[in-house]
Protein backbone atom coordinates (compact mmCIF):
# COMPACT_ATOMS: atom_id res chain seq x y z
CA MET A 1 0.00 0.00 0.00
CA SER A 2 2.97 2.37 0.32
CA GLY A 3 2.96 3.04 -3.43
CA LEU A 4 -0.72 3.93 -3.46
CA ARG A 5 -0.22 6.13 -0.42
CA GLU A 6 2.51 8.06 -2.23
CA GLN A 7 0.34 8.39 -5.34
CA PHE A 8 -2.53 9.78 -3.29
CA GLY A 9 -0.19 12.42 -1.93
CA ARG A 10 -1.93 13.52 1.28
CA PRO A 11 -3.45 12.23 4.51
CA LEU A 12 -7.18 11.65 4.48
CA ARG A 13 -9.22 14.38 6.18
CA LEU A 14 -11.37 13.41 9.16
CA ALA A 15 -14.19 15.23 10.92
CA VAL A 16 -15.22 14.26 14.45
CA ILE A 17 -18.71 14.35 15.94
CA GLY A 18 -18.62 14.26 19.75
CA GLY A 19 -15.61 13.32 21.83
CA GLY A 20 -14.74 16.80 23.11
CA PRO A 21 -11.48 17.84 24.80
CA ASP A 22 -12.26 16.08 28.09
CA ALA A 23 -13.71 12.86 26.64
CA TRP A 24 -11.32 9.90 26.70
CA ILE A 25 -13.04 8.33 23.70
CA GLY A 26 -12.43 11.49 21.71
CA ARG A 27 -8.72 11.42 22.53
CA MET A 28 -8.66 7.73 21.66
CA HIS A 29 -10.14 8.26 18.20
CA ARG A 30 -8.15 11.37 17.33
CA GLY A 31 -4.86 9.86 18.47
CA ALA A 32 -5.53 6.56 16.72
CA ALA A 33 -6.57 8.22 13.47
CA GLU A 34 -3.35 10.25 13.30
CA MET A 35 -0.98 7.62 14.73
CA ASP A 36 0.31 6.26 11.43
CA GLY A 37 -0.14 9.37 9.30
CA TRP A 38 -3.10 8.09 7.31
CA TRP A 39 -5.50 10.74 8.65
CA ARG A 40 -5.58 14.32 9.91
CA VAL A 41 -8.44 15.63 12.03
CA VAL A 42 -9.43 18.89 10.33
CA ALA A 43 -13.02 19.56 11.40
CA GLY A 44 -15.57 18.68 14.03
CA VAL A 45 -18.61 19.22 16.20
CA PHE A 46 -17.75 18.65 19.85
CA SER A 47 -20.83 19.66 21.82
CA SER A 48 -24.57 20.03 21.39
CA ASP A 49 -24.05 23.65 22.45
CA PRO A 50 -22.85 25.54 19.32
CA ALA A 51 -20.68 28.05 21.17
CA ARG A 52 -18.99 25.35 23.27
CA SER A 53 -18.46 23.23 20.16
CA ARG A 54 -16.72 26.01 18.25
CA ALA A 55 -14.56 26.92 21.24
CA ALA A 56 -13.60 23.27 21.80
CA GLY A 57 -12.44 22.86 18.21
CA VAL A 58 -10.29 25.95 18.34
CA GLY A 59 -8.94 24.87 21.72
CA MET A 60 -7.79 21.58 20.16
CA GLY A 61 -5.98 23.41 17.36
CA LEU A 62 -8.55 23.26 14.56
CA ASP A 63 -9.18 26.12 12.18
CA SER A 64 -11.99 28.25 13.59
CA ALA A 65 -13.76 28.05 10.23
CA ARG A 66 -13.97 24.27 10.58
CA SER A 67 -14.94 24.17 14.25
CA TYR A 68 -18.65 23.88 13.66
CA GLY A 69 -21.70 24.56 15.80
CA ASP A 70 -23.80 21.60 14.67
CA VAL A 71 -23.63 18.54 12.45
CA ALA A 72 -25.96 19.80 9.70
CA GLU A 73 -23.84 22.93 9.30
CA MET A 74 -20.63 20.90 9.11
CA LEU A 75 -21.89 18.42 6.52
CA GLU A 76 -23.40 21.14 4.34
CA LYS A 77 -20.28 23.32 4.35
CA GLU A 78 -17.73 20.50 4.12
CA ARG A 79 -19.27 18.88 1.06
CA ARG A 80 -18.82 22.16 -0.85
CA LEU A 81 -15.16 22.71 0.06
CA PRO A 82 -12.37 21.91 -2.42
CA ASP A 83 -10.46 20.32 0.47
CA ARG A 84 -13.52 18.62 1.90
CA ILE A 85 -13.34 15.94 4.55
CA ASP A 86 -13.16 12.29 3.50
CA ALA A 87 -14.90 10.73 6.50
CA VAL A 88 -16.80 11.41 9.71
CA ALA A 89 -16.07 9.68 13.04
CA ILE A 90 -19.11 9.54 15.34
CA MET A 91 -18.71 9.26 19.12
CA ALA A 92 -21.70 11.27 20.32
CA PRO A 93 -24.43 9.86 22.64
CA ASN A 94 -25.99 6.58 21.49
CA ASP A 95 -29.34 8.03 20.43
CA THR A 96 -27.62 10.27 17.86
CA HIS A 97 -25.60 7.59 16.07
CA TYR A 98 -28.19 6.64 13.47
CA ARG A 99 -29.23 10.12 12.35
CA PHE A 100 -25.68 11.47 12.24
CA ALA A 101 -24.44 8.42 10.31
CA ALA A 102 -27.35 8.56 7.86
CA ALA A 103 -26.75 12.27 7.27
CA ALA A 104 -23.01 11.74 6.71
CA LEU A 105 -23.59 8.91 4.24
CA ASP A 106 -26.20 10.95 2.35
CA ALA A 107 -23.71 13.84 2.16
CA GLY A 108 -21.18 11.53 0.50
CA PHE A 109 -18.79 10.79 3.36
CA ASP A 110 -17.40 7.55 4.79
CA VAL A 111 -18.26 6.82 8.42
CA ILE A 112 -16.38 5.45 11.41
CA GLY A 113 -19.07 4.79 14.02
CA GLU A 114 -18.91 4.10 17.71
CA LYS A 115 -21.01 1.28 19.07
CA PRO A 116 -23.89 0.67 19.15
CA VAL A 117 -24.30 1.78 15.56
CA THR A 118 -28.02 2.42 16.11
CA GLN A 119 -30.84 1.92 18.59
CA THR A 120 -32.59 -0.80 16.55
CA PHE A 121 -31.93 -3.53 14.01
CA ALA A 122 -34.20 -1.75 11.52
CA GLU A 123 -32.08 1.40 11.73
CA ALA A 124 -28.88 -0.62 11.31
CA THR A 125 -30.32 -2.36 8.26
CA ASP A 126 -31.12 1.05 6.81
CA LEU A 127 -27.50 2.15 7.32
CA VAL A 128 -26.31 -0.98 5.49
CA ALA A 129 -28.55 -0.03 2.55
CA ARG A 130 -27.38 3.61 2.56
CA THR A 131 -23.73 2.57 2.72
CA ARG A 132 -24.13 0.30 -0.29
CA ARG A 133 -26.31 2.73 -2.23
CA HIS A 134 -23.81 5.56 -1.87
CA GLY A 135 -20.75 3.35 -2.38
CA ARG A 136 -19.25 4.40 0.94
CA ILE A 137 -17.19 2.74 3.67
CA PHE A 138 -18.75 2.28 7.12
CA ALA A 139 -16.49 0.94 9.87
CA ILE A 140 -17.27 0.30 13.53
CA ALA A 141 -14.82 0.99 16.33
CA HIS A 142 -14.60 -2.54 17.74
CA GLY A 143 -11.00 -2.15 18.85
CA TYR A 144 -10.77 -5.58 20.48
CA ALA A 145 -11.09 -7.14 17.02
CA ALA A 146 -8.03 -5.22 15.83
CA TYR A 147 -5.41 -6.51 18.27
CA PRO A 148 -2.74 -8.58 16.48
CA MET A 149 -3.54 -11.66 18.57
CA THR A 150 -7.30 -11.56 18.03
CA ARG A 151 -6.56 -11.17 14.34
CA TYR A 152 -4.27 -14.19 14.52
CA ALA A 153 -6.90 -16.18 16.42
CA ARG A 154 -9.35 -15.42 13.62
CA LEU A 155 -6.80 -16.54 11.02
CA LEU A 156 -6.13 -19.81 12.87
CA VAL A 157 -9.86 -20.59 12.95
CA ARG A 158 -10.35 -19.81 9.28
CA ASP A 159 -7.28 -21.84 8.31
CA GLY A 160 -8.76 -24.86 10.10
CA ALA A 161 -6.21 -25.12 12.91
CA LEU A 162 -9.00 -25.94 15.38
CA GLY A 163 -11.12 -27.95 12.98
CA ALA A 164 -14.89 -27.55 13.11
CA ILE A 165 -15.89 -25.10 15.84
CA ARG A 166 -17.96 -26.66 18.62
CA LEU A 167 -18.04 -24.09 21.45
CA VAL A 168 -17.44 -20.34 21.80
CA GLN A 169 -17.27 -18.71 25.23
CA VAL A 170 -17.02 -14.94 25.66
CA GLU A 171 -17.36 -12.64 28.65
CA TYR A 172 -16.84 -8.97 29.43
CA ILE A 173 -16.88 -8.16 33.15
CA GLN A 174 -16.72 -4.57 34.37
CA SER A 175 -17.46 -2.56 37.53
CA ALA A 176 -18.55 0.81 36.08
CA LEU A 177 -22.07 0.33 37.49
CA ALA A 178 -21.15 -1.69 40.58
CA MET A 179 -22.17 1.23 42.77
CA ARG A 180 -25.58 2.90 42.72
CA ILE A 181 -24.44 5.86 40.65
CA GLU A 182 -28.07 6.80 39.99
CA VAL A 183 -28.27 8.53 43.38
CA GLY A 184 -25.05 10.55 43.04
CA PRO A 185 -24.22 13.72 41.12
CA GLN A 186 -25.38 13.48 37.52
CA SER A 187 -23.10 14.68 34.73
CA SER A 188 -24.56 15.17 31.25
CA ARG A 189 -22.97 11.87 30.21
CA LEU A 190 -24.50 9.96 33.13
CA ARG A 191 -27.91 11.46 32.46
CA TRP A 192 -28.07 10.08 28.93
CA LEU A 193 -26.44 6.78 29.88
CA LEU A 194 -29.03 6.14 32.58
CA ASP A 195 -31.94 7.08 30.32
CA PRO A 196 -33.08 3.88 28.52
CA GLN A 197 -34.59 5.99 25.74
CA ARG A 198 -31.15 7.40 24.95
CA SER A 199 -28.63 4.70 25.86
CA GLY A 200 -30.35 1.85 24.00
CA GLN A 201 -32.47 -1.26 24.48
CA ALA A 202 -30.10 -2.65 27.12
CA LEU A 203 -27.45 -0.38 28.62
CA VAL A 204 -24.84 -3.07 29.23
CA MET A 205 -25.20 -4.34 25.66
CA SER A 206 -24.81 -0.84 24.23
CA ALA A 207 -21.78 -0.15 26.42
CA ILE A 208 -19.75 -3.39 26.40
CA GLY A 209 -21.92 -6.35 25.37
CA CYS A 210 -21.78 -5.43 21.71
CA HIS A 211 -17.97 -5.72 21.87
CA ALA A 212 -18.17 -9.21 23.36
CA GLN A 213 -20.73 -10.41 20.81
CA HIS A 214 -18.74 -8.97 17.92
CA LEU A 215 -15.46 -10.47 19.10
CA ALA A 216 -17.00 -13.93 19.39
CA SER A 217 -18.40 -13.81 15.87
CA PHE A 218 -15.32 -12.09 14.43
CA VAL A 219 -12.87 -14.73 15.63
CA SER A 220 -15.08 -17.79 15.20
CA GLY A 221 -16.38 -16.66 11.80
CA LEU A 222 -19.87 -17.62 12.93
CA ALA A 223 -23.02 -15.56 13.29
CA ALA A 224 -25.49 -16.26 16.08
CA VAL A 225 -28.74 -17.84 14.89
CA ARG A 226 -30.69 -18.08 18.17
CA VAL A 227 -30.32 -17.20 21.84
CA ALA A 228 -31.77 -17.98 25.27
CA ALA A 229 -30.97 -14.98 27.45
CA ASP A 230 -31.20 -13.73 31.02
CA VAL A 231 -31.46 -9.93 30.84
CA GLY A 232 -31.75 -7.72 33.91
CA ALA A 233 -29.95 -5.87 36.68
CA LEU A 234 -27.60 -7.23 39.34
CA LEU A 235 -28.32 -4.27 41.60
CA PRO A 236 -31.81 -4.59 43.13
CA GLY A 237 -34.21 -1.88 42.01
CA ARG A 238 -32.03 -0.63 39.14
CA LYS A 239 -34.08 0.47 36.12
CA VAL A 240 -31.40 0.06 33.46
CA ILE A 241 -29.98 -3.30 32.39
CA ASP A 242 -26.51 -3.99 33.77
CA TYR A 243 -26.30 -7.76 33.15
CA VAL A 244 -26.91 -10.13 30.25
CA SER A 245 -26.06 -13.81 30.08
CA ALA A 246 -27.06 -15.98 27.14
CA LEU A 247 -26.78 -19.40 25.60
CA ILE A 248 -26.09 -19.10 21.88
CA GLU A 249 -26.52 -21.37 18.91
CA PHE A 250 -24.18 -20.35 16.10
CA GLN A 251 -24.24 -21.18 12.42
CA GLY A 252 -23.48 -24.83 11.81
CA GLY A 253 -24.70 -25.88 15.24
CA ALA A 254 -21.80 -24.65 17.38
CA ARG A 255 -22.81 -23.69 20.90
CA GLY A 256 -21.83 -20.63 22.87
CA THR A 257 -22.01 -18.92 26.25
CA PHE A 258 -22.09 -15.15 26.67
CA THR A 259 -21.88 -13.11 29.88
CA VAL A 260 -21.51 -9.35 30.23
CA THR A 261 -22.04 -7.04 33.17
CA GLN A 262 -21.02 -3.59 34.32
CA ALA A 263 -22.04 -4.25 37.91
CA ALA A 264 -19.35 -6.72 39.07
CA ALA A 265 -17.38 -5.03 41.87
CA GLY A 266 -13.67 -5.38 41.15
CA GLY A 267 -14.16 -6.12 37.46
CA GLU A 268 -11.83 -4.14 35.24
CA ASN A 269 -12.67 -4.42 31.54
CA ASP A 270 -12.04 -8.13 31.88
CA ILE A 271 -12.66 -9.53 28.41
CA ARG A 272 -11.98 -13.18 27.67
CA LEU A 273 -12.62 -15.28 24.58
CA ARG A 274 -12.23 -19.04 24.23
CA VAL A 275 -12.94 -20.94 21.03
CA TYR A 276 -13.03 -24.75 21.06
CA GLY A 277 -12.90 -26.89 17.93
CA GLU A 278 -12.59 -30.59 17.22
CA LYS A 279 -8.76 -30.33 17.25
CA GLY A 280 -8.18 -27.97 20.18
CA MET A 281 -8.80 -24.50 21.57
CA LEU A 282 -7.52 -20.95 21.68
CA ASP A 283 -7.76 -18.52 24.58
CA TRP A 284 -7.35 -14.72 24.52
CA SER A 285 -7.63 -12.31 27.45
CA HIS A 286 -7.64 -8.53 27.39
CA ARG A 287 -5.53 -8.64 30.55
CA GLU A 288 -2.66 -9.93 28.36
CA PRO A 289 -3.71 -8.80 24.88
CA SER A 290 -0.35 -9.41 23.23
CA TYR A 291 -0.51 -13.17 23.86
CA LEU A 292 -2.68 -15.99 22.58
CA LYS A 293 -2.83 -19.48 24.08
CA LEU A 294 -3.21 -22.31 21.58
CA ALA A 295 -3.83 -25.83 22.89
CA LEU A 296 -4.13 -28.57 20.26
CA LEU A 297 -4.87 -32.19 21.10
CA GLY A 298 -1.69 -34.21 21.57
CA GLU A 299 0.60 -31.16 21.47
CA PRO A 300 2.15 -28.96 24.17
CA VAL A 301 0.23 -25.80 25.00
CA ARG A 302 1.74 -22.85 23.15
CA VAL A 303 1.73 -19.17 24.12
CA ILE A 304 2.12 -17.09 20.99
CA GLY A 305 3.18 -13.46 21.33
CA ARG A 306 2.66 -10.41 19.17
CA GLY A 307 5.87 -9.93 17.21
CA ASP A 308 6.87 -13.61 17.02
CA THR A 309 8.85 -13.97 13.81
CA PHE A 310 6.85 -16.93 12.46
CA LEU A 311 3.58 -14.98 12.39
CA PRO A 312 2.10 -14.06 9.00
CA PRO A 313 3.18 -10.63 7.68
CA GLU A 314 -0.28 -9.10 8.06
CA ILE A 315 -0.35 -10.07 11.75
CA VAL A 316 3.14 -8.70 12.39
CA ALA A 317 2.13 -5.49 10.61
CA ALA A 318 -0.78 -5.02 13.02
CA GLY A 319 1.76 -4.38 15.81
CA ARG A 320 4.22 -1.53 16.12
CA THR A 321 6.77 -2.57 18.75
CA PRO A 322 8.83 -5.73 19.33
CA ARG A 323 7.48 -8.62 21.41
CA GLY A 324 7.47 -7.84 25.10
CA HIS A 325 6.89 -4.09 24.76
CA PRO A 326 3.31 -3.17 25.67
CA GLU A 327 0.79 -2.09 23.10
CA GLY A 328 -2.88 -1.47 23.74
CA LEU A 329 -6.27 -0.24 22.68
CA ARG A 330 -5.11 2.94 20.93
CA GLU A 331 -2.91 0.91 18.61
CA ALA A 332 -5.82 -1.45 17.92
CA PHE A 333 -8.03 1.53 17.03
CA ALA A 334 -5.23 2.80 14.80
CA ASN A 335 -5.30 -0.50 12.89
CA ILE A 336 -8.94 0.12 12.05
CA TYR A 337 -8.26 3.66 10.87
CA ALA A 338 -5.29 2.48 8.78
CA GLU A 339 -7.35 -0.22 7.08
CA ILE A 340 -10.18 2.17 6.24
CA ALA A 341 -7.65 4.59 4.76
CA GLN A 342 -6.03 1.91 2.63
CA GLU A 343 -9.37 0.87 1.16
CA ARG A 344 -10.50 4.46 0.54
CA ILE A 345 -7.22 5.42 -1.15
CA ALA A 346 -7.29 2.31 -3.33
CA LEU A 347 -10.85 3.09 -4.42
CA ALA A 348 -9.97 6.74 -5.08
CA LEU A 349 -7.11 5.67 -7.33
CA SER A 350 -9.22 2.98 -9.06
CA ALA A 351 -6.85 0.32 -7.76
CA PRO A 352 -8.00 -3.09 -6.51
CA ALA A 353 -9.47 -2.65 -3.04
CA PRO A 354 -7.71 -4.75 -0.37
CA ASN A 355 -9.81 -7.26 1.58
CA LEU A 356 -9.14 -6.00 5.09
CA PRO A 357 -10.81 -7.27 8.28
CA TYR A 358 -11.93 -4.03 9.94
CA PRO A 359 -15.43 -4.28 11.49
CA ARG A 360 -18.14 -3.19 9.06
CA ILE A 361 -21.70 -1.93 9.23
CA GLU A 362 -23.08 -5.38 8.38
CA GLU A 363 -21.53 -6.65 11.61
CA GLY A 364 -23.13 -3.76 13.46
CA ALA A 365 -26.50 -4.81 12.08
CA HIS A 366 -25.93 -8.37 13.33
CA THR A 367 -25.10 -6.98 16.77
CA MET A 368 -28.38 -5.07 16.87
CA ALA A 369 -30.24 -8.22 15.83
CA PHE A 370 -28.46 -10.12 18.63
CA ILE A 371 -29.41 -7.48 21.23
CA GLU A 372 -33.05 -7.51 20.15
CA ALA A 373 -33.13 -11.31 20.30
CA CYS A 374 -31.70 -11.30 23.85
CA VAL A 375 -34.31 -8.79 25.03
CA ALA A 376 -37.09 -10.77 23.34
CA SER A 377 -35.81 -14.02 24.88
CA GLN A 378 -36.01 -12.53 28.38
CA ARG A 379 -39.52 -11.26 27.71
CA GLN A 380 -40.76 -14.56 26.27
CA GLY A 381 -38.79 -16.91 28.51
CA ALA A 382 -37.73 -18.95 25.50
CA TRP A 383 -35.16 -19.39 22.75
CA VAL A 384 -35.48 -16.64 20.13
CA ASP A 385 -34.13 -16.55 16.57
CA VAL A 386 -31.61 -13.83 15.67
CA ALA A 387 -32.55 -11.95 12.50
CA GLN A 388 -30.11 -12.94 9.77
CA SER A 389 -30.40 -10.14 7.24
CA PRO A 390 -28.73 -8.23 5.69
CA PRO A 391 -26.26 -10.69 4.16
CA ALA A 392 -22.47 -10.53 4.49
CA ILE A 393 -22.69 -10.31 8.27
CA LEU A 394 -19.01 -10.93 8.97
CA SER A 395 -16.14 -8.87 7.55
CA GLY A 396 -13.88 -10.52 5.02
CA ASN A 397 -16.68 -12.71 3.64
């Protein structure tokens, strides 16, 4: 891709919606986008208050003319500029994701969306259709699927190292809601998070559960086809959902278990994925993201590290420092931004588009179908089918 990058002759231009100066997710996206030189943040809307938004942009070093007061203004002005933006990254409150993404696609821009992509499966399906109709790129910021070792786990599964997949276990345990934060001081962020109308159908799924579901499908290569779920709150009397556990049936009959909660005291973004096949298993933990355990029947257990020289070139390229030096979530986000840039530049130069594994809008639609099935399963007290359209659910297919 270096030759195409040189032919293109400039970094891609990115606009940001949300993620103001004090928001960690904003710093994560901006830093990741610019880490490898593929992108430059040149415009943005950083607050629902126009004056605060403009001041925030200038305070972060943007041109005052491109520090906008609202999204409609930004999209309308940017699409007319000779040096217009190439894409929009959305990290505003959950209930804005769909309308901002739809508006950006209709204005002719690629989209990098935070999770959940929408509030409903129907909205996500609409974004799939808009993305395809306009010929755009729509990526989702599932950073856990962009670590070198989760990418390698995915490659091992698809190359048949584990044989036919029989069981997938995923969990994401966190303590963000372990205390009754509803009765404390309410920031603007907490107010929308704790409002079910704004945060989504199930708060824990919108916040972390969608990452766990996506990672399980991404690595195993399997979409969920039906679920039996327990959906509720671990804290008595809590109105928002802070816990979901589910049994899953995947494509081809593989079974799965899924547990996510934000109300486990002492939990610290503890993500773990285990995939079992007929020949053995692999095990990845976010506590040690640079390592992958591979245990095949009749062979010693192996611990494979990011940077090991025998790894395929594309896996080595997903890391930036030698084995043993820590890398983390920002670098994983940067992998997503780099892959989007490579595809966009190739398309702009009419070159063959690379088949890169960044998370796509079709996967976001499957996540929304999964969430709706879990909620319906709790309500009905039964197994519920997961909607399976639109097609091409998993990236790289």
